[in-house]
């Protein structure tokens, strides 16, 4: 069995701006920001070629999930 990358997760400082860049600038399809009503739940998914999904999360959400300060560990 060959390993396959299916989800690529990026932490972004401005989720709205990042969504606009990938959706409007690159033309990638998305349903927009989902889960904004859940604490640290806002995320946007983009379905790309060959089943690859790009997931954009606010940097603060991923930092909270990892137990790190928002600016990251130094």
N, C-alpha and C. Protein backbone atom coordinates (compact mmCIF):
# COMPACT_ATOMS: atom_id res chain seq x y z
N UNK A 1 0.84 -1.17 0.00
CA UNK A 1 0.00 0.00 0.00
C UNK A 1 0.90 1.25 0.00
N UNK A 2 0.60 2.16 -0.88
CA UNK A 2 1.37 3.40 -0.97
C UNK A 2 0.73 4.47 -0.11
N UNK A 3 1.52 5.19 0.69
CA UNK A 3 0.96 6.28 1.48
C UNK A 3 0.42 7.37 0.56
N UNK A 4 -0.63 8.02 1.01
CA UNK A 4 -1.26 9.08 0.22
C UNK A 4 -1.62 10.24 1.13
N UNK A 5 -1.26 11.43 0.72
CA UNK A 5 -1.62 12.63 1.44
C UNK A 5 -3.04 13.01 1.05
N UNK A 6 -3.92 13.16 2.05
CA UNK A 6 -5.31 13.50 1.74
C UNK A 6 -5.74 14.85 2.29
N UNK A 7 -5.16 15.27 3.42
CA UNK A 7 -5.52 16.56 4.01
C UNK A 7 -4.25 17.33 4.35
N UNK A 8 -4.18 18.55 3.88
CA UNK A 8 -3.09 19.45 4.19
C UNK A 8 -3.67 20.57 5.04
N UNK A 9 -3.17 20.74 6.26
CA UNK A 9 -3.69 21.73 7.19
C UNK A 9 -2.72 22.89 7.31
N UNK A 10 -3.24 24.11 7.14
CA UNK A 10 -2.44 25.31 7.30
C UNK A 10 -3.05 26.19 8.38
N UNK A 11 -2.20 26.74 9.24
CA UNK A 11 -2.63 27.74 10.22
C UNK A 11 -2.46 29.11 9.58
N UNK A 12 -3.50 29.93 9.65
CA UNK A 12 -3.46 31.25 9.04
C UNK A 12 -3.79 32.32 10.08
N UNK A 13 -3.23 33.49 9.90
CA UNK A 13 -3.50 34.59 10.85
C UNK A 13 -4.86 35.22 10.61
N UNK A 14 -5.29 35.30 9.37
CA UNK A 14 -6.59 35.90 9.05
C UNK A 14 -7.38 34.93 8.18
N UNK A 15 -8.32 34.21 8.78
CA UNK A 15 -9.06 33.19 8.04
C UNK A 15 -9.86 33.80 6.89
N UNK A 16 -10.53 34.91 7.13
CA UNK A 16 -11.32 35.55 6.07
C UNK A 16 -10.44 35.93 4.88
N UNK A 17 -9.29 36.53 5.17
CA UNK A 17 -8.37 36.94 4.10
C UNK A 17 -7.82 35.73 3.36
N UNK A 18 -7.48 34.69 4.09
CA UNK A 18 -6.93 33.48 3.46
C UNK A 18 -7.97 32.82 2.56
N UNK A 19 -9.21 32.74 3.04
CA UNK A 19 -10.29 32.16 2.22
C UNK A 19 -10.46 32.98 0.95
N UNK A 20 -10.47 34.29 1.08
CA UNK A 20 -10.62 35.15 -0.10
C UNK A 20 -9.48 34.92 -1.09
N UNK A 21 -8.26 34.75 -0.60
CA UNK A 21 -7.11 34.52 -1.48
C UNK A 21 -7.27 33.23 -2.27
N UNK A 22 -7.54 32.13 -1.58
CA UNK A 22 -7.63 30.83 -2.25
C UNK A 22 -8.89 30.71 -3.12
N UNK A 23 -10.00 31.27 -2.64
CA UNK A 23 -11.26 31.19 -3.39
C UNK A 23 -11.29 32.17 -4.56
N UNK A 24 -11.05 33.44 -4.25
CA UNK A 24 -11.19 34.48 -5.28
C UNK A 24 -9.93 34.64 -6.13
N UNK A 25 -8.78 34.53 -5.50
CA UNK A 25 -7.52 34.70 -6.22
C UNK A 25 -7.13 33.50 -7.06
N UNK A 26 -7.27 32.30 -6.48
CA UNK A 26 -6.87 31.09 -7.19
C UNK A 26 -8.04 30.33 -7.80
N UNK A 27 -9.26 30.70 -7.41
CA UNK A 27 -10.44 30.05 -7.97
C UNK A 27 -10.71 28.67 -7.41
N UNK A 28 -10.18 28.36 -6.22
CA UNK A 28 -10.40 27.04 -5.63
C UNK A 28 -11.77 26.96 -4.99
N UNK A 29 -12.50 25.86 -5.19
CA UNK A 29 -13.86 25.75 -4.66
C UNK A 29 -13.88 25.50 -3.15
N UNK A 30 -14.84 26.14 -2.48
CA UNK A 30 -15.02 25.98 -1.04
C UNK A 30 -16.46 26.29 -0.67
N UNK A 31 -16.90 25.75 0.44
CA UNK A 31 -18.21 26.11 1.00
C UNK A 31 -18.07 27.28 1.96
N UNK A 32 -16.87 27.82 2.08
CA UNK A 32 -16.62 28.95 2.96
C UNK A 32 -16.25 28.49 4.36
N UNK A 33 -16.32 29.44 5.28
CA UNK A 33 -15.96 29.15 6.67
C UNK A 33 -17.08 28.39 7.34
N UNK A 34 -16.72 27.30 7.97
CA UNK A 34 -17.69 26.46 8.68
C UNK A 34 -17.28 26.39 10.15
N UNK A 35 -18.24 26.16 11.03
CA UNK A 35 -17.95 25.96 12.45
C UNK A 35 -17.59 27.22 13.21
N UNK A 36 -17.90 28.39 12.66
CA UNK A 36 -17.54 29.64 13.33
C UNK A 36 -18.27 29.82 14.65
N UNK A 37 -19.38 29.13 14.84
CA UNK A 37 -20.16 29.25 16.07
C UNK A 37 -19.61 28.37 17.20
N UNK A 38 -18.57 27.60 16.92
CA UNK A 38 -17.96 26.71 17.91
C UNK A 38 -16.60 27.28 18.30
N UNK A 39 -16.29 27.29 19.60
CA UNK A 39 -15.00 27.81 20.05
C UNK A 39 -13.87 27.04 19.37
N UNK A 40 -12.96 27.76 18.74
CA UNK A 40 -11.83 27.19 18.01
C UNK A 40 -12.26 26.23 16.91
N UNK A 41 -13.48 26.41 16.38
CA UNK A 41 -13.99 25.48 15.39
C UNK A 41 -14.04 26.00 13.97
N UNK A 42 -13.76 27.29 13.77
CA UNK A 42 -13.84 27.86 12.43
C UNK A 42 -12.78 27.24 11.53
N UNK A 43 -13.20 26.81 10.36
CA UNK A 43 -12.29 26.17 9.40
C UNK A 43 -12.86 26.34 8.00
N UNK A 44 -12.00 26.36 7.01
CA UNK A 44 -12.44 26.37 5.62
C UNK A 44 -11.71 25.24 4.89
N UNK A 45 -12.47 24.49 4.11
CA UNK A 45 -11.92 23.37 3.35
C UNK A 45 -11.98 23.68 1.85
N UNK A 46 -10.94 23.29 1.14
CA UNK A 46 -10.89 23.43 -0.30
C UNK A 46 -10.62 22.06 -0.90
N UNK A 47 -11.49 21.60 -1.79
CA UNK A 47 -11.28 20.32 -2.46
C UNK A 47 -10.43 20.55 -3.69
N UNK A 48 -9.27 19.92 -3.71
CA UNK A 48 -8.32 20.08 -4.80
C UNK A 48 -8.27 18.82 -5.65
N UNK A 49 -7.31 18.72 -6.53
CA UNK A 49 -7.20 17.57 -7.42
C UNK A 49 -6.77 16.30 -6.68
N UNK A 50 -7.11 15.17 -7.25
CA UNK A 50 -6.71 13.86 -6.74
C UNK A 50 -7.14 13.60 -5.30
N UNK A 51 -8.26 14.20 -4.89
CA UNK A 51 -8.79 13.96 -3.56
C UNK A 51 -8.11 14.72 -2.44
N UNK A 52 -7.17 15.61 -2.76
CA UNK A 52 -6.48 16.39 -1.73
C UNK A 52 -7.39 17.49 -1.21
N UNK A 53 -7.40 17.66 0.11
CA UNK A 53 -8.19 18.71 0.75
C UNK A 53 -7.25 19.65 1.48
N UNK A 54 -7.40 20.94 1.25
CA UNK A 54 -6.67 21.96 1.99
C UNK A 54 -7.59 22.46 3.09
N UNK A 55 -7.12 22.40 4.33
CA UNK A 55 -7.89 22.89 5.48
C UNK A 55 -7.18 24.12 6.05
N UNK A 56 -7.90 25.23 6.12
CA UNK A 56 -7.35 26.45 6.70
C UNK A 56 -7.98 26.67 8.07
N UNK A 57 -7.15 26.76 9.08
CA UNK A 57 -7.59 27.00 10.45
C UNK A 57 -6.95 28.29 10.95
N UNK A 58 -7.64 29.05 11.80
CA UNK A 58 -6.99 30.19 12.42
C UNK A 58 -5.80 29.72 13.26
N UNK A 59 -4.74 30.46 13.23
CA UNK A 59 -3.54 30.11 14.00
C UNK A 59 -3.88 29.93 15.47
N UNK A 60 -4.75 30.77 16.00
CA UNK A 60 -5.12 30.69 17.41
C UNK A 60 -5.81 29.37 17.74
N UNK A 61 -6.60 28.84 16.82
CA UNK A 61 -7.30 27.57 17.05
C UNK A 61 -6.32 26.40 17.12
N UNK A 62 -5.38 26.35 16.20
CA UNK A 62 -4.41 25.26 16.22
C UNK A 62 -3.47 25.37 17.41
N UNK A 63 -3.12 26.60 17.80
CA UNK A 63 -2.28 26.79 18.99
C UNK A 63 -3.01 26.30 20.23
N UNK A 64 -4.29 26.64 20.36
CA UNK A 64 -5.07 26.18 21.51
C UNK A 64 -5.17 24.66 21.53
N UNK A 65 -5.37 24.05 20.39
CA UNK A 65 -5.47 22.60 20.30
C UNK A 65 -4.17 21.92 20.71
N UNK A 66 -3.05 22.55 20.40
CA UNK A 66 -1.74 21.98 20.72
C UNK A 66 -1.24 22.40 22.11
N UNK A 67 -2.00 23.27 22.78
CA UNK A 67 -1.59 23.74 24.10
C UNK A 67 -0.40 24.69 24.05
N UNK A 68 -0.29 25.43 22.95
CA UNK A 68 0.81 26.38 22.77
C UNK A 68 0.28 27.81 22.82
N UNK A 69 1.15 28.77 23.14
CA UNK A 69 0.73 30.16 23.05
C UNK A 69 0.44 30.50 21.59
N UNK A 70 -0.43 31.48 21.36
CA UNK A 70 -0.84 31.80 19.99
C UNK A 70 0.33 32.13 19.07
N UNK A 71 1.36 32.75 19.58
CA UNK A 71 2.52 33.09 18.76
C UNK A 71 3.42 31.91 18.46
N UNK A 72 3.11 30.75 19.04
CA UNK A 72 3.93 29.56 18.83
C UNK A 72 4.97 29.39 19.92
N UNK A 73 5.60 28.26 19.94
CA UNK A 73 6.65 27.98 20.93
C UNK A 73 7.98 28.52 20.41
N UNK A 74 8.71 29.17 21.26
CA UNK A 74 10.01 29.73 20.85
C UNK A 74 11.11 29.12 21.68
